[in-house]
């Protein structure tokens, strides 16, 4: 298959491991990034959000302590402030996220990642 997928992976997450296994079985070339160690840059995150057609809060795991402790539920926070929060607290990013040159998908459930292949 002539496609590369950047895969934002958390090896401690079962859904992330399942998604990685699913894509590997499809024979796709993967660029696996452990995003807790190497978080996406601001531009990469903006690109991911655009491809997902989501706002930053929609990509956040809102039950994580960092979300509540940093008042990220404040409706007055700007998009830019929320993107900065995702960079500062990468554990807030929903996982896994897979990105191609033209689209992206969140692997919850992992089968959602297959939409990138069509």
PDB file of N, CA and C in Angstrom:
ATOM      1  N   UNK A   1       0.854  -1.172   0.000  1.00  0.00           N
ATOM      2  CA  UNK A   1       0.000   0.000   0.000  1.00  0.00           C
ATOM      3  C   UNK A   1       0.900   1.235   0.000  1.00  0.00           C
ATOM      4  N   UNK A   2       0.587   2.213  -0.836  1.00  0.00           N
ATOM      5  CA  UNK A   2       1.453   3.377  -1.013  1.00  0.00           C
ATOM      6  C   UNK A   2       0.934   4.563  -0.208  1.00  0.00           C
ATOM      7  N   UNK A   3       0.944   4.410   1.108  1.00  0.00           N
ATOM      8  CA  UNK A   3       0.438   5.462   1.982  1.00  0.00           C
ATOM      9  C   UNK A   3       1.212   5.398   3.280  1.00  0.00           C
ATOM     10  N   UNK A   4       1.552   6.575   3.799  1.00  0.00           N
ATOM     11  CA  UNK A   4       2.183   6.596   5.109  1.00  0.00           C
ATOM     12  C   UNK A   4       1.207   7.213   6.107  1.00  0.00           C
ATOM     13  N   UNK A   5       1.135   6.600   7.255  1.00  0.00           N
ATOM     14  CA  UNK A   5       0.279   7.087   8.328  1.00  0.00           C
ATOM     15  C   UNK A   5       1.158   7.438   9.527  1.00  0.00           C
ATOM     16  N   UNK A   6       0.969   8.650  10.036  1.00  0.00           N
ATOM     17  CA  UNK A   6       1.600   9.028  11.296  1.00  0.00           C
ATOM     18  C   UNK A   6       0.642   8.612  12.390  1.00  0.00           C
ATOM     19  N   UNK A   7       1.146   7.838  13.325  1.00  0.00           N
ATOM     20  CA  UNK A   7       0.308   7.237  14.359  1.00  0.00           C
ATOM     21  C   UNK A   7       0.761   7.748  15.723  1.00  0.00           C
ATOM     22  N   UNK A   8      -0.074   8.560  16.346  1.00  0.00           N
ATOM     23  CA  UNK A   8       0.204   9.085  17.678  1.00  0.00           C
ATOM     24  C   UNK A   8      -0.241   8.028  18.686  1.00  0.00           C
ATOM     25  N   UNK A   9       0.738   7.413  19.319  1.00  0.00           N
ATOM     26  CA  UNK A   9       0.554   6.179  20.074  1.00  0.00           C
ATOM     27  C   UNK A   9       0.902   6.347  21.550  1.00  0.00           C
ATOM     28  N   UNK A  10       0.093   5.708  22.395  1.00  0.00           N
ATOM     29  CA  UNK A  10       0.409   5.570  23.815  1.00  0.00           C
ATOM     30  C   UNK A  10       0.469   4.073  24.090  1.00  0.00           C
ATOM     31  N   UNK A  11       1.664   3.510  24.256  1.00  0.00           N
ATOM     32  CA  UNK A  11       1.791   2.058  24.413  1.00  0.00           C
ATOM     33  C   UNK A  11       1.082   1.500  25.652  1.00  0.00           C
ATOM     34  N   UNK A  12       0.741   2.353  26.610  1.00  0.00           N
ATOM     35  CA  UNK A  12       0.045   1.877  27.818  1.00  0.00           C
ATOM     36  C   UNK A  12      -1.464   1.765  27.603  1.00  0.00           C
ATOM     37  N   UNK A  13      -1.955   2.259  26.466  1.00  0.00           N
ATOM     38  CA  UNK A  13      -3.393   2.266  26.186  1.00  0.00           C
ATOM     39  C   UNK A  13      -3.764   1.061  25.310  1.00  0.00           C
ATOM     40  N   UNK A  14      -4.709   0.263  25.769  1.00  0.00           N
ATOM     41  CA  UNK A  14      -5.100  -0.931  25.011  1.00  0.00           C
ATOM     42  C   UNK A  14      -5.699  -0.569  23.653  1.00  0.00           C
ATOM     43  N   UNK A  15      -6.480   0.511  23.575  1.00  0.00           N
ATOM     44  CA  UNK A  15      -7.062   0.917  22.288  1.00  0.00           C
ATOM     45  C   UNK A  15      -5.960   1.338  21.318  1.00  0.00           C
ATOM     46  N   UNK A  16      -4.955   2.012  21.830  1.00  0.00           N
ATOM     47  CA  UNK A  16      -3.845   2.440  20.995  1.00  0.00           C
ATOM     48  C   UNK A  16      -3.054   1.233  20.484  1.00  0.00           C
ATOM     49  N   UNK A  17      -2.816   0.274  21.353  1.00  0.00           N
ATOM     50  CA  UNK A  17      -2.113  -0.957  20.924  1.00  0.00           C
ATOM     51  C   UNK A  17      -2.941  -1.722  19.896  1.00  0.00           C
ATOM     52  N   UNK A  18      -4.260  -1.807  20.122  1.00  0.00           N
ATOM     53  CA  UNK A  18      -5.140  -2.518  19.184  1.00  0.00           C
ATOM     54  C   UNK A  18      -5.159  -1.839  17.821  1.00  0.00           C
ATOM     55  N   UNK A  19      -5.221  -0.520  17.827  1.00  0.00           N
ATOM     56  CA  UNK A  19      -5.225   0.225  16.562  1.00  0.00           C
ATOM     57  C   UNK A  19      -3.936   0.044  15.792  1.00  0.00           C
ATOM     58  N   UNK A  20      -2.825   0.058  16.511  1.00  0.00           N
ATOM     59  CA  UNK A  20      -1.525  -0.135  15.880  1.00  0.00           C
ATOM     60  C   UNK A  20      -1.452  -1.514  15.232  1.00  0.00           C
ATOM     61  N   UNK A  21      -1.892  -2.522  15.947  1.00  0.00           N
ATOM     62  CA  UNK A  21      -1.909  -3.887  15.422  1.00  0.00           C
ATOM     63  C   UNK A  21      -2.816  -3.987  14.189  1.00  0.00           C
ATOM     64  N   UNK A  22      -3.980  -3.360  14.255  1.00  0.00           N
ATOM     65  CA  UNK A  22      -4.938  -3.378  13.145  1.00  0.00           C
ATOM     66  C   UNK A  22      -4.319  -2.773  11.881  1.00  0.00           C
ATOM     67  N   UNK A  23      -3.673  -1.618  12.013  1.00  0.00           N
ATOM     68  CA  UNK A  23      -3.060  -0.971  10.847  1.00  0.00           C
ATOM     69  C   UNK A  23      -1.873  -1.767  10.318  1.00  0.00           C
ATOM     70  N   UNK A  24      -1.098  -2.338  11.213  1.00  0.00           N
ATOM     71  CA  UNK A  24       0.053  -3.145  10.760  1.00  0.00           C
ATOM     72  C   UNK A  24      -0.414  -4.356   9.958  1.00  0.00           C
ATOM     73  N   UNK A  25      -1.534  -4.946  10.372  1.00  0.00           N
ATOM     74  CA  UNK A  25      -2.073  -6.100   9.628  1.00  0.00           C
ATOM     75  C   UNK A  25      -2.544  -5.683   8.239  1.00  0.00           C
ATOM     76  N   UNK A  26      -2.827  -4.392   8.033  1.00  0.00           N
ATOM     77  CA  UNK A  26      -3.250  -3.897   6.724  1.00  0.00           C
ATOM     78  C   UNK A  26      -2.049  -3.633   5.812  1.00  0.00           C
ATOM     79  N   UNK A  27      -0.840  -3.749   6.358  1.00  0.00           N
ATOM     80  CA  UNK A  27       0.365  -3.557   5.559  1.00  0.00           C
ATOM     81  C   UNK A  27       0.685  -2.099   5.281  1.00  0.00           C
ATOM     82  N   UNK A  28       0.200  -1.204   6.118  1.00  0.00           N
ATOM     83  CA  UNK A  28       0.414   0.225   5.929  1.00  0.00           C
ATOM     84  C   UNK A  28       1.764   0.623   6.517  1.00  0.00           C
ATOM     85  N   UNK A  29       2.444   1.564   5.858  1.00  0.00           N
ATOM     86  CA  UNK A  29       3.687   2.098   6.404  1.00  0.00           C
ATOM     87  C   UNK A  29       3.334   3.091   7.506  1.00  0.00           C
ATOM     88  N   UNK A  30       3.870   2.842   8.704  1.00  0.00           N
ATOM     89  CA  UNK A  30       3.527   3.662   9.866  1.00  0.00           C
ATOM     90  C   UNK A  30       4.733   4.410  10.403  1.00  0.00           C
ATOM     91  N   UNK A  31       4.505   5.655  10.731  1.00  0.00           N
ATOM     92  CA  UNK A  31       5.465   6.463  11.463  1.00  0.00           C
ATOM     93  C   UNK A  31       4.879   6.595  12.867  1.00  0.00           C
ATOM     94  N   UNK A  32       5.337   5.756  13.789  1.00  0.00           N
ATOM     95  CA  UNK A  32       4.757   5.697  15.129  1.00  0.00           C
ATOM     96  C   UNK A  32       5.445   6.721  16.030  1.00  0.00           C
ATOM     97  N   UNK A  33       4.638   7.573  16.634  1.00  0.00           N
ATOM     98  CA  UNK A  33       5.143   8.599  17.540  1.00  0.00           C
ATOM     99  C   UNK A  33       4.498   8.397  18.905  1.00  0.00           C
ATOM    100  N   UNK A  34       5.330   8.177  19.910  1.00  0.00           N
ATOM    101  CA  UNK A  34       4.819   8.107  21.280  1.00  0.00           C
ATOM    102  C   UNK A  34       4.624   9.552  21.731  1.00  0.00           C
ATOM    103  N   UNK A  35       3.385  10.036  21.613  1.00  0.00           N
ATOM    104  CA  UNK A  35       3.111  11.463  21.783  1.00  0.00           C
ATOM    105  C   UNK A  35       3.293  11.961  23.212  1.00  0.00           C
ATOM    106  N   UNK A  36       3.349  11.056  24.201  1.00  0.00           N
ATOM    107  CA  UNK A  36       3.634  11.517  25.563  1.00  0.00           C
ATOM    108  C   UNK A  36       5.118  11.868  25.714  1.00  0.00           C
ATOM    109  N   UNK A  37       5.962  11.248  24.888  1.00  0.00           N
ATOM    110  CA  UNK A  37       7.394  11.516  24.887  1.00  0.00           C
ATOM    111  C   UNK A  37       7.721  12.632  23.894  1.00  0.00           C
ATOM    112  N   UNK A  38       7.087  12.588  22.726  1.00  0.00           N
ATOM    113  CA  UNK A  38       7.304  13.569  21.653  1.00  0.00           C
ATOM    114  C   UNK A  38       5.963  14.150  21.209  1.00  0.00           C
ATOM    115  N   UNK A  39       5.432  15.112  21.982  1.00  0.00           N
ATOM    116  CA  UNK A  39       4.123  15.669  21.613  1.00  0.00           C
ATOM    117  C   UNK A  39       4.179  16.393  20.273  1.00  0.00           C
ATOM    118  N   UNK A  40       3.034  16.437  19.581  1.00  0.00           N
ATOM    119  CA  UNK A  40       3.014  17.170  18.314  1.00  0.00           C
ATOM    120  C   UNK A  40       3.283  18.655  18.548  1.00  0.00           C
ATOM    121  N   UNK A  41       3.863  19.296  17.547  1.00  0.00           N
ATOM    122  CA  UNK A  41       4.075  20.747  17.603  1.00  0.00           C
ATOM    123  C   UNK A  41       2.722  21.444  17.464  1.00  0.00           C
ATOM    124  N   UNK A  42       2.722  22.735  17.690  1.00  0.00           N
ATOM    125  CA  UNK A  42       1.481  23.491  17.552  1.00  0.00           C
ATOM    126  C   UNK A  42       0.937  23.354  16.126  1.00  0.00           C
ATOM    127  N   UNK A  43       1.810  23.486  15.129  1.00  0.00           N
ATOM    128  CA  UNK A  43       1.363  23.379  13.740  1.00  0.00           C
ATOM    129  C   UNK A  43       0.844  21.977  13.434  1.00  0.00           C
ATOM    130  N   UNK A  44       1.510  20.956  13.933  1.00  0.00           N
ATOM    131  CA  UNK A  44       1.037  19.583  13.723  1.00  0.00           C
ATOM    132  C   UNK A  44      -0.332  19.385  14.368  1.00  0.00           C
ATOM    133  N   UNK A  45      -0.502  19.921  15.562  1.00  0.00           N
ATOM    134  CA  UNK A  45      -1.779  19.793  16.262  1.00  0.00           C
ATOM    135  C   UNK A  45      -2.895  20.527  15.521  1.00  0.00           C
ATOM    136  N   UNK A  46      -2.599  21.700  15.012  1.00  0.00           N
ATOM    137  CA  UNK A  46      -3.600  22.443  14.228  1.00  0.00           C
ATOM    138  C   UNK A  46      -3.970  21.670  12.962  1.00  0.00           C
ATOM    139  N   UNK A  47      -2.978  21.036  12.351  1.00  0.00           N
ATOM    140  CA  UNK A  47      -3.212  20.222  11.157  1.00  0.00           C
ATOM    141  C   UNK A  47      -4.095  19.021  11.491  1.00  0.00           C
ATOM    142  N   UNK A  48      -3.808  18.370  12.615  1.00  0.00           N
ATOM    143  CA  UNK A  48      -4.615  17.225  13.057  1.00  0.00           C
ATOM    144  C   UNK A  48      -6.062  17.661  13.285  1.00  0.00           C
ATOM    145  N   UNK A  49      -6.238  18.762  13.994  1.00  0.00           N
ATOM    146  CA  UNK A  49      -7.593  19.267  14.272  1.00  0.00           C
ATOM    147  C   UNK A  49      -8.337  19.587  12.987  1.00  0.00           C
ATOM    148  N   UNK A  50      -7.646  20.216  12.030  1.00  0.00           N
ATOM    149  CA  UNK A  50      -8.282  20.532  10.744  1.00  0.00           C
ATOM    150  C   UNK A  50      -8.713  19.264  10.019  1.00  0.00           C
ATOM    151  N   UNK A  51      -7.837  18.269  10.001  1.00  0.00           N
ATOM    152  CA  UNK A  51      -8.152  17.020   9.305  1.00  0.00           C
ATOM    153  C   UNK A  51      -9.271  16.253   9.993  1.00  0.00           C
ATOM    154  N   UNK A  52      -9.341  16.361  11.328  1.00  0.00           N
ATOM    155  CA  UNK A  52     -10.416  15.702  12.074  1.00  0.00           C
ATOM    156  C   UNK A  52     -11.717  16.510  12.029  1.00  0.00           C
ATOM    157  N   UNK A  53     -11.596  17.788  11.636  1.00  0.00           N
ATOM    158  CA  UNK A  53     -12.721  18.732  11.670  1.00  0.00           C
ATOM    159  C   UNK A  53     -13.279  18.847  13.094  1.00  0.00           C
ATOM    160  N   UNK A  54     -12.332  18.995  14.050  1.00  0.00           N
ATOM    161  CA  UNK A  54     -12.692  19.116  15.453  1.00  0.00           C
ATOM    162  C   UNK A  54     -12.088  20.389  16.037  1.00  0.00           C
ATOM    163  N   UNK A  55     -12.696  20.832  17.092  1.00  0.00           N
ATOM    164  CA  UNK A  55     -12.125  21.904  17.902  1.00  0.00           C
ATOM    165  C   UNK A  55     -11.266  21.244  18.985  1.00  0.00           C
ATOM    166  N   UNK A  56     -10.313  21.990  19.554  1.00  0.00           N
ATOM    167  CA  UNK A  56      -9.382  21.381  20.516  1.00  0.00           C
ATOM    168  C   UNK A  56     -10.062  20.647  21.671  1.00  0.00           C
ATOM    169  N   UNK A  57     -11.104  21.210  22.226  1.00  0.00           N
ATOM    170  CA  UNK A  57     -11.754  20.569  23.373  1.00  0.00           C
ATOM    171  C   UNK A  57     -12.332  19.199  22.988  1.00  0.00           C
ATOM    172  N   UNK A  58     -12.720  19.038  21.719  1.00  0.00           N
ATOM    173  CA  UNK A  58     -13.271  17.767  21.257  1.00  0.00           C
ATOM    174  C   UNK A  58     -12.193  16.682  21.152  1.00  0.00           C
ATOM    175  N   UNK A  59     -10.945  17.085  21.161  1.00  0.00           N
ATOM    176  CA  UNK A  59      -9.833  16.140  21.099  1.00  0.00           C
ATOM    177  C   UNK A  59      -9.282  15.843  22.499  1.00  0.00           C
ATOM    178  N   UNK A  60      -9.862  16.500  23.504  1.00  0.00           N
ATOM    179  CA  UNK A  60      -9.360  16.352  24.873  1.00  0.00           C
ATOM    180  C   UNK A  60     -10.107  15.277  25.652  1.00  0.00           C
ATOM    181  N   UNK A  61      -9.336  14.575  26.455  1.00  0.00           N
ATOM    182  CA  UNK A  61      -9.890  13.606  27.398  1.00  0.00           C
ATOM    183  C   UNK A  61     -10.318  14.410  28.628  1.00  0.00           C
ATOM    184  N   UNK A  62     -11.587  14.721  28.684  1.00  0.00           N
ATOM    185  CA  UNK A  62     -12.083  15.674  29.672  1.00  0.00           C
ATOM    186  C   UNK A  62     -12.195  15.101  31.083  1.00  0.00           C
ATOM    187  N   UNK A  63     -11.977  13.818  31.240  1.00  0.00           N
ATOM    188  CA  UNK A  63     -12.030  13.220  32.582  1.00  0.00           C
ATOM    189  C   UNK A  63     -10.653  13.137  33.238  1.00  0.00           C
ATOM    190  N   UNK A  64      -9.628  13.544  32.511  1.00  0.00           N
ATOM    191  CA  UNK A  64      -8.273  13.517  33.074  1.00  0.00           C
ATOM    192  C   UNK A  64      -8.125  14.631  34.112  1.00  0.00           C
ATOM    193  N   UNK A  65      -7.335  14.377  35.174  1.00  0.00           N
ATOM    194  CA  UNK A  65      -7.160  15.391  36.224  1.00  0.00           C
ATOM    195  C   UNK A  65      -6.638  16.731  35.689  1.00  0.00           C
ATOM    196  N   UNK A  66      -5.753  16.690  34.703  1.00  0.00           N
ATOM    197  CA  UNK A  66      -5.175  17.930  34.159  1.00  0.00           C
ATOM    198  C   UNK A  66      -6.247  18.836  33.557  1.00  0.00           C
ATOM    199  N   UNK A  67      -7.301  18.228  33.049  1.00  0.00           N
ATOM    200  CA  UNK A  67      -8.388  19.009  32.444  1.00  0.00           C
ATOM    201  C   UNK A  67      -9.082  19.854  33.514  1.00  0.00           C
ATOM    202  N   UNK A  68      -9.442  19.208  34.607  1.00  0.00           N
ATOM    203  CA  UNK A  68     -10.145  19.913  35.685  1.00  0.00           C
ATOM    204  C   UNK A  68      -9.210  20.851  36.458  1.00  0.00           C
ATOM    205  N   UNK A  69      -8.006  20.368  36.755  1.00  0.00           N
ATOM    206  CA  UNK A  69      -7.056  21.152  37.549  1.00  0.00           C
ATOM    207  C   UNK A  69      -6.648  22.452  36.860  1.00  0.00           C
ATOM    208  N   UNK A  70      -6.723  22.484  35.535  1.00  0.00           N
ATOM    209  CA  UNK A  70      -6.310  23.665  34.778  1.00  0.00           C
ATOM    210  C   UNK A  70      -7.499  24.440  34.214  1.00  0.00           C
ATOM    211  N   UNK A  71      -8.684  24.131  34.739  1.00  0.00           N
ATOM    212  CA  UNK A  71      -9.917  24.851  34.352  1.00  0.00           C
ATOM    213  C   UNK A  71     -10.115  24.898  32.836  1.00  0.00           C
ATOM    214  N   UNK A  72      -9.822  23.792  32.175  1.00  0.00           N
ATOM    215  CA  UNK A  72      -9.946  23.767  30.713  1.00  0.00           C
ATOM    216  C   UNK A  72     -11.396  23.668  30.254  1.00  0.00           C
ATOM    217  N   UNK A  73     -12.312  23.519  31.211  1.00  0.00           N
ATOM    218  CA  UNK A  73     -13.734  23.533  30.852  1.00  0.00           C
ATOM    219  C   UNK A  73     -14.286  24.965  30.786  1.00  0.00           C
ATOM    220  N   UNK A  74     -13.443  25.954  31.053  1.00  0.00           N
ATOM    221  CA  UNK A  74     -13.850  27.359  30.996  1.00  0.00           C
ATOM    222  C   UNK A  74     -14.244  27.711  29.554  1.00  0.00           C
ATOM    223  N   UNK A  75     -15.529  28.051  29.319  1.00  0.00           N
ATOM    224  CA  UNK A  75     -15.975  28.341  27.955  1.00  0.00           C
ATOM    225  C   UNK A  75     -15.340  29.591  27.361  1.00  0.00           C
ATOM    226  N   UNK A  76     -14.693  30.402  28.176  1.00  0.00           N
ATOM    227  CA  UNK A  76     -14.059  31.624  27.676  1.00  0.00           C
ATOM    228  C   UNK A  76     -12.646  31.402  27.150  1.00  0.00           C
ATOM    229  N   UNK A  77     -12.118  30.198  27.312  1.00  0.00           N
ATOM    230  CA  UNK A  77     -10.775  29.919  26.803  1.00  0.00           C
ATOM    231  C   UNK A  77     -10.787  29.938  25.277  1.00  0.00           C
ATOM    232  N   UNK A  78      -9.790  30.561  24.700  1.00  0.00           N
ATOM    233  CA  UNK A  78      -9.694  30.646  23.238  1.00  0.00           C
ATOM    234  C   UNK A  78      -9.231  29.305  22.655  1.00  0.00           C
ATOM    235  N   UNK A  79      -9.438  29.165  21.366  1.00  0.00           N
ATOM    236  CA  UNK A  79      -8.963  27.971  20.661  1.00  0.00           C
ATOM    237  C   UNK A  79      -7.451  27.841  20.836  1.00  0.00           C
ATOM    238  N   UNK A  80      -6.774  28.963  20.728  1.00  0.00           N
ATOM    239  CA  UNK A  80      -5.325  28.990  20.865  1.00  0.00           C
ATOM    240  C   UNK A  80      -4.897  28.516  22.256  1.00  0.00           C
ATOM    241  N   UNK A  81      -5.589  28.952  23.287  1.00  0.00           N
ATOM    242  CA  UNK A  81      -5.264  28.547  24.658  1.00  0.00           C
ATOM    243  C   UNK A  81      -5.488  27.046  24.845  1.00  0.00           C
ATOM    244  N   UNK A  82      -6.525  26.513  24.220  1.00  0.00           N
ATOM    245  CA  UNK A  82      -6.801  25.077  24.321  1.00  0.00           C
ATOM    246  C   UNK A  82      -5.754  24.253  23.571  1.00  0.00           C
ATOM    247  N   UNK A  83      -5.324  24.742  22.416  1.00  0.00           N
ATOM    248  CA  UNK A  83      -4.258  24.058  21.670  1.00  0.00           C
ATOM    249  C   UNK A  83      -2.977  24.061  22.500  1.00  0.00           C
ATOM    250  N   UNK A  84      -2.661  25.206  23.107  1.00  0.00           N
ATOM    251  CA  UNK A  84      -1.476  25.284  23.967  1.00  0.00           C
ATOM    252  C   UNK A  84      -1.572  24.297  25.131  1.00  0.00           C
ATOM    253  N   UNK A  85      -2.776  24.127  25.681  1.00  0.00           N
ATOM    254  CA  UNK A  85      -2.973  23.178  26.782  1.00  0.00           C
ATOM    255  C   UNK A  85      -2.717  21.743  26.315  1.00  0.00           C
ATOM    256  N   UNK A  86      -3.136  21.416  25.096  1.00  0.00           N
ATOM    257  CA  UNK A  86      -2.880  20.067  24.564  1.00  0.00           C
ATOM    258  C   UNK A  86      -1.384  19.820  24.391  1.00  0.00           C
ATOM    259  N   UNK A  87      -0.649  20.871  24.058  1.00  0.00           N
ATOM    260  CA  UNK A  87       0.801  20.736  23.915  1.00  0.00           C
ATOM    261  C   UNK A  87       1.451  20.587  25.290  1.00  0.00           C
ATOM    262  N   UNK A  88       0.999  21.377  26.242  1.00  0.00           N
ATOM    263  CA  UNK A  88       1.567  21.340  27.588  1.00  0.00           C
ATOM    264  C   UNK A  88       1.215  20.045  28.319  1.00  0.00           C
ATOM    265  N   UNK A  89       0.002  19.544  28.068  1.00  0.00           N
ATOM    266  CA  UNK A  89      -0.482  18.325  28.727  1.00  0.00           C
ATOM    267  C   UNK A  89      -0.876  17.295  27.660  1.00  0.00           C
ATOM    268  N   UNK A  90       0.110  16.657  27.008  1.00  0.00           N
ATOM    269  CA  UNK A  90      -0.215  15.736  25.915  1.00  0.00           C
ATOM    270  C   UNK A  90      -1.092  14.566  26.349  1.00  0.00           C
ATOM    271  N   UNK A  91      -1.082  14.235  27.641  1.00  0.00           N
ATOM    272  CA  UNK A  91      -1.926  13.137  28.126  1.00  0.00           C
ATOM    273  C   UNK A  91      -3.410  13.452  27.960  1.00  0.00           C
ATOM    274  N   UNK A  92      -3.736  14.698  27.692  1.00  0.00           N
ATOM    275  CA  UNK A  92      -5.140  15.065  27.464  1.00  0.00           C
ATOM    276  C   UNK A  92      -5.630  14.674  26.072  1.00  0.00           C
ATOM    277  N   UNK A  93      -4.704  14.429  25.149  1.00  0.00           N
ATOM    278  CA  UNK A  93      -5.111  14.126  23.775  1.00  0.00           C
ATOM    279  C   UNK A  93      -5.774  12.749  23.700  1.00  0.00           C
ATOM    280  N   UNK A  94      -6.919  12.723  23.061  1.00  0.00           N
ATOM    281  CA  UNK A  94      -7.618  11.460  22.809  1.00  0.00           C
ATOM    282  C   UNK A  94      -6.677  10.563  22.029  1.00  0.00           C
ATOM    283  N   UNK A  95      -6.749   9.271  22.260  1.00  0.00           N
ATOM    284  CA  UNK A  95      -5.808   8.367  21.615  1.00  0.00           C
ATOM    285  C   UNK A  95      -6.491   7.103  21.138  1.00  0.00           C
ATOM    286  N   UNK A  96      -5.900   6.490  20.164  1.00  0.00           N
ATOM    287  CA  UNK A  96      -4.823   6.963  19.309  1.00  0.00           C
ATOM    288  C   UNK A  96      -5.364   7.883  18.211  1.00  0.00           C
ATOM    289  N   UNK A  97      -4.457   8.628  17.612  1.00  0.00           N
ATOM    290  CA  UNK A  97      -4.807   9.465  16.460  1.00  0.00           C
ATOM    291  C   UNK A  97      -3.889   9.053  15.321  1.00  0.00           C
ATOM    292  N   UNK A  98      -4.477   8.820  14.162  1.00  0.00           N
ATOM    293  CA  UNK A  98      -3.708   8.466  12.971  1.00  0.00           C
ATOM    294  C   UNK A  98      -3.959   9.523  11.912  1.00  0.00           C
ATOM    295  N   UNK A  99      -2.890   9.911  11.211  1.00  0.00           N
ATOM    296  CA  UNK A  99      -2.967  11.029  10.273  1.00  0.00           C
ATOM    297  C   UNK A  99      -2.291  10.645   8.957  1.00  0.00           C
ATOM    298  N   UNK A 100      -2.967  10.947   7.854  1.00  0.00           N
ATOM    299  CA  UNK A 100      -2.367  10.795   6.521  1.00  0.00           C
ATOM    300  C   UNK A 100      -2.163  12.202   5.956  1.00  0.00           C
ATOM    301  N   UNK A 101      -1.734  12.269   4.709  1.00  0.00           N
ATOM    302  CA  UNK A 101      -1.523  13.574   4.080  1.00  0.00           C
ATOM    303  C   UNK A 101      -2.823  14.372   3.987  1.00  0.00           C
ATOM    304  N   UNK A 102      -3.976  13.682   3.947  1.00  0.00           N
ATOM    305  CA  UNK A 102      -5.236  14.388   3.688  1.00  0.00           C
ATOM    306  C   UNK A 102      -6.301  14.236   4.758  1.00  0.00           C
ATOM    307  N   UNK A 103      -6.165  13.225   5.625  1.00  0.00           N
ATOM    308  CA  UNK A 103      -7.209  13.033   6.629  1.00  0.00           C
ATOM    309  C   UNK A 103      -6.641  12.447   7.908  1.00  0.00           C
ATOM    310  N   UNK A 104      -7.500  12.385   8.920  1.00  0.00           N
ATOM    311  CA  UNK A 104      -7.087  11.854  10.217  1.00  0.00           C
ATOM    312  C   UNK A 104      -8.274  11.127  10.841  1.00  0.00           C
ATOM    313  N   UNK A 105      -7.963  10.268  11.815  1.00  0.00           N
ATOM    314  CA  UNK A 105      -9.013   9.532  12.526  1.00  0.00           C
ATOM    315  C   UNK A 105      -8.554   9.260  13.951  1.00  0.00           C
ATOM    316  N   UNK A 106      -9.530   9.240  14.850  1.00  0.00           N
ATOM    317  CA  UNK A 106      -9.284   8.828  16.231  1.00  0.00           C
ATOM    318  C   UNK A 106      -9.686   7.361  16.328  1.00  0.00           C
ATOM    319  N   UNK A 107      -8.810   6.541  16.872  1.00  0.00           N
ATOM    320  CA  UNK A 107      -9.042   5.094  16.923  1.00  0.00           C
ATOM    321  C   UNK A 107      -9.843   4.642  18.125  1.00  0.00           C
ATOM    322  N   UNK A 108     -11.001   5.222  18.332  1.00  0.00           N
ATOM    323  CA  UNK A 108     -11.909   4.814  19.402  1.00  0.00           C
ATOM    324  C   UNK A 108     -13.282   4.619  18.793  1.00  0.00           C
ATOM    325  N   UNK A 109     -13.649   3.420  18.444  1.00  0.00           N
ATOM    326  CA  UNK A 109     -12.894   2.172  18.552  1.00  0.00           C
ATOM    327  C   UNK A 109     -11.814   2.088  17.464  1.00  0.00           C
ATOM    328  N   UNK A 110     -10.872   1.158  17.601  1.00  0.00           N
ATOM    329  CA  UNK A 110      -9.771   1.043  16.638  1.00  0.00           C
ATOM    330  C   UNK A 110     -10.230   0.920  15.186  1.00  0.00           C
ATOM    331  N   UNK A 111     -11.394   0.334  14.965  1.00  0.00           N
ATOM    332  CA  UNK A 111     -11.894   0.142  13.590  1.00  0.00           C
ATOM    333  C   UNK A 111     -12.097   1.474  12.863  1.00  0.00           C
ATOM    334  N   UNK A 112     -12.247   2.573  13.593  1.00  0.00           N
ATOM    335  CA  UNK A 112     -12.393   3.889  12.957  1.00  0.00           C
ATOM    336  C   UNK A 112     -11.162   4.245  12.129  1.00  0.00           C
ATOM    337  N   UNK A 113     -10.026   3.643  12.475  1.00  0.00           N
ATOM    338  CA  UNK A 113      -8.778   3.933  11.739  1.00  0.00           C
ATOM    339  C   UNK A 113      -8.834   3.419  10.306  1.00  0.00           C
ATOM    340  N   UNK A 114      -9.640   2.418  10.059  1.00  0.00           N
ATOM    341  CA  UNK A 114      -9.732   1.840   8.712  1.00  0.00           C
ATOM    342  C   UNK A 114     -10.277   2.839   7.704  1.00  0.00           C
ATOM    343  N   UNK A 115     -10.984   3.871   8.178  1.00  0.00           N
ATOM    344  CA  UNK A 115     -11.508   4.901   7.272  1.00  0.00           C
ATOM    345  C   UNK A 115     -10.392   5.632   6.535  1.00  0.00           C
ATOM    346  N   UNK A 116      -9.193   5.627   7.088  1.00  0.00           N
ATOM    347  CA  UNK A 116      -8.059   6.277   6.442  1.00  0.00           C
ATOM    348  C   UNK A 116      -7.581   5.522   5.210  1.00  0.00           C
ATOM    349  N   UNK A 117      -7.927   4.257   5.131  1.00  0.00           N
ATOM    350  CA  UNK A 117      -7.414   3.417   4.057  1.00  0.00           C
ATOM    351  C   UNK A 117      -8.271   3.454   2.802  1.00  0.00           C
ATOM    352  N   UNK A 118      -9.500   3.944   2.916  1.00  0.00           N
ATOM    353  CA  UNK A 118     -10.431   3.935   1.796  1.00  0.00           C
ATOM    354  C   UNK A 118     -10.321   5.091   0.857  1.00  0.00           C
TER     355      UNK A 118
END
